[in-house]
Amino acid sequence: MDSAGEERVARNEAAFRKVNEAIEQGRQTREGFVGFVCECGRLGCNEIIDLTLPEYEAVRADARRFAVRRGHEVGVEEVI
């Protein structure tokens, strides 16, 4: 992936993280789960990932990690 593509992925991930931070602030839970937006770099992705608040906070503990639906990884991302 070229640097322009990597930059686009990073912008998309950051934008989705802002959405998820707002969701986290609202703490609207459904049986302990919160619907977070997939933070992948794919244009137009609007899939929801059900995570508990502690699960999402664990992802957020490292600013370089994002909540990405399995199978939505792109070339620069590593699944952990």
C-alpha atoms as a PDB file:
ATOM      1  CA  MET A   1       0.000   0.000   0.000  1.00  0.00           C
ATOM      2  CA  ASP A   2       1.389   3.422  -0.896  1.00  0.00           C
ATOM      3  CA  SER A   3       1.698   6.302   1.585  1.00  0.00           C
ATOM      4  CA  ALA A   4      -1.502   7.973   0.315  1.00  0.00           C
ATOM      5  CA  GLY A   5      -3.423   4.761   0.957  1.00  0.00           C
ATOM      6  CA  GLU A   6      -1.921   4.409   4.423  1.00  0.00           C
ATOM      7  CA  GLU A   7      -2.873   8.009   5.195  1.00  0.00           C
ATOM      8  CA  ARG A   8      -6.473   7.373   4.079  1.00  0.00           C
ATOM      9  CA  VAL A   9      -6.683   4.303   6.285  1.00  0.00           C
ATOM     10  CA  ALA A  10      -5.375   6.291   9.264  1.00  0.00           C
ATOM     11  CA  ARG A  11      -7.915   9.097   8.662  1.00  0.00           C
ATOM     12  CA  ASN A  12     -10.793   6.606   8.441  1.00  0.00           C
ATOM     13  CA  GLU A  13      -9.700   4.837  11.609  1.00  0.00           C
ATOM     14  CA  ALA A  14      -9.411   8.124  13.494  1.00  0.00           C
ATOM     15  CA  ALA A  15     -12.861   9.260  12.331  1.00  0.00           C
ATOM     16  CA  PHE A  16     -14.493   6.009  13.441  1.00  0.00           C
ATOM     17  CA  ARG A  17     -12.679   6.204  16.765  1.00  0.00           C
ATOM     18  CA  LYS A  18     -14.343   9.599  17.395  1.00  0.00           C
ATOM     19  CA  VAL A  19     -17.746   8.036  16.733  1.00  0.00           C
ATOM     20  CA  ASN A  20     -16.967   5.199  19.126  1.00  0.00           C
ATOM     21  CA  GLU A  21     -15.749   7.576  21.821  1.00  0.00           C
ATOM     22  CA  ALA A  22     -19.142   9.309  21.662  1.00  0.00           C
ATOM     23  CA  ILE A  23     -20.889   5.928  21.892  1.00  0.00           C
ATOM     24  CA  GLU A  24     -18.724   4.993  24.864  1.00  0.00           C
ATOM     25  CA  GLN A  25     -19.622   8.276  26.593  1.00  0.00           C
ATOM     26  CA  GLY A  26     -23.318   7.482  26.158  1.00  0.00           C
ATOM     27  CA  ARG A  27     -22.795   3.954  27.523  1.00  0.00           C
ATOM     28  CA  GLN A  28     -25.945   2.661  25.871  1.00  0.00           C
ATOM     29  CA  THR A  29     -25.695  -1.025  26.667  1.00  0.00           C
ATOM     30  CA  ARG A  30     -27.633  -4.038  25.492  1.00  0.00           C
ATOM     31  CA  GLU A  31     -27.077  -6.973  27.839  1.00  0.00           C
ATOM     32  CA  GLY A  32     -23.619  -5.655  28.758  1.00  0.00           C
ATOM     33  CA  PHE A  33     -22.629  -5.029  25.158  1.00  0.00           C
ATOM     34  CA  VAL A  34     -22.252  -1.736  23.333  1.00  0.00           C
ATOM     35  CA  GLY A  35     -22.506  -1.449  19.552  1.00  0.00           C
ATOM     36  CA  PHE A  36     -19.276   0.165  18.327  1.00  0.00           C
ATOM     37  CA  VAL A  37     -18.600   1.146  14.726  1.00  0.00           C
ATOM     38  CA  CYS A  38     -15.912  -0.917  13.016  1.00  0.00           C
ATOM     39  CA  GLU A  39     -12.790   1.267  12.965  1.00  0.00           C
ATOM     40  CA  CYS A  40     -11.321  -0.317   9.838  1.00  0.00           C
ATOM     41  CA  GLY A  41      -9.865   1.732   7.030  1.00  0.00           C
ATOM     42  CA  ARG A  42     -12.376   0.570   4.404  1.00  0.00           C
ATOM     43  CA  LEU A  43     -14.284   3.363   2.735  1.00  0.00           C
ATOM     44  CA  GLY A  44     -17.998   3.133   3.439  1.00  0.00           C
ATOM     45  CA  CYS A  45     -17.762   0.531   6.193  1.00  0.00           C
ATOM     46  CA  ASN A  46     -20.484   1.065   8.778  1.00  0.00           C
ATOM     47  CA  GLU A  47     -20.612  -2.372  10.402  1.00  0.00           C
ATOM     48  CA  ILE A  48     -21.202  -2.662  14.135  1.00  0.00           C
ATOM     49  CA  ILE A  49     -19.044  -4.643  16.558  1.00  0.00           C
ATOM     50  CA  ASP A  50     -20.638  -5.656  19.866  1.00  0.00           C
ATOM     51  CA  LEU A  51     -18.103  -5.255  22.677  1.00  0.00           C
ATOM     52  CA  THR A  52     -18.343  -4.772  26.393  1.00  0.00           C
ATOM     53  CA  LEU A  53     -17.045  -1.456  27.699  1.00  0.00           C
ATOM     54  CA  PRO A  54     -13.993  -3.152  29.256  1.00  0.00           C
ATOM     55  CA  GLU A  55     -13.212  -4.842  25.919  1.00  0.00           C
ATOM     56  CA  TYR A  56     -13.341  -1.532  24.062  1.00  0.00           C
ATOM     57  CA  GLU A  57     -11.305   0.198  26.766  1.00  0.00           C
ATOM     58  CA  ALA A  58      -8.656  -2.535  26.418  1.00  0.00           C
ATOM     59  CA  VAL A  59      -8.412  -1.775  22.692  1.00  0.00           C
ATOM     60  CA  ARG A  60      -8.157   1.941  23.451  1.00  0.00           C
ATOM     61  CA  ALA A  61      -5.403   1.391  26.033  1.00  0.00           C
ATOM     62  CA  ASP A  62      -2.950   1.575  23.118  1.00  0.00           C
ATOM     63  CA  ALA A  63      -3.556   4.544  20.794  1.00  0.00           C
ATOM     64  CA  ARG A  64      -2.223   2.486  17.875  1.00  0.00           C
ATOM     65  CA  ARG A  65      -4.933  -0.191  18.214  1.00  0.00           C
ATOM     66  CA  PHE A  66      -8.387  -0.010  16.674  1.00  0.00           C
ATOM     67  CA  ALA A  67     -11.560  -2.070  16.986  1.00  0.00           C
ATOM     68  CA  VAL A  68     -11.781  -3.745  13.588  1.00  0.00           C
ATOM     69  CA  ARG A  69     -14.251  -6.463  12.570  1.00  0.00           C
ATOM     70  CA  ARG A  70     -12.532  -9.737  11.704  1.00  0.00           C
ATOM     71  CA  GLY A  71     -11.828  -9.820   7.980  1.00  0.00           C
ATOM     72  CA  HIS A  72     -11.727  -6.014   7.644  1.00  0.00           C
ATOM     73  CA  GLU A  73      -7.980  -5.703   8.097  1.00  0.00           C
ATOM     74  CA  VAL A  74      -6.077  -3.947   5.334  1.00  0.00           C
ATOM     75  CA  GLY A  75      -2.405  -4.261   4.416  1.00  0.00           C
ATOM     76  CA  VAL A  76      -0.983  -2.058   7.160  1.00  0.00           C
ATOM     77  CA  GLU A  77      -2.996  -3.570  10.019  1.00  0.00           C
ATOM     78  CA  GLU A  78      -2.072  -6.479  12.264  1.00  0.00           C
ATOM     79  CA  VAL A  79      -4.659  -8.537  14.141  1.00  0.00           C
ATOM     80  CA  ILE A  80      -3.901  -9.100  17.827  1.00  0.00           C
END
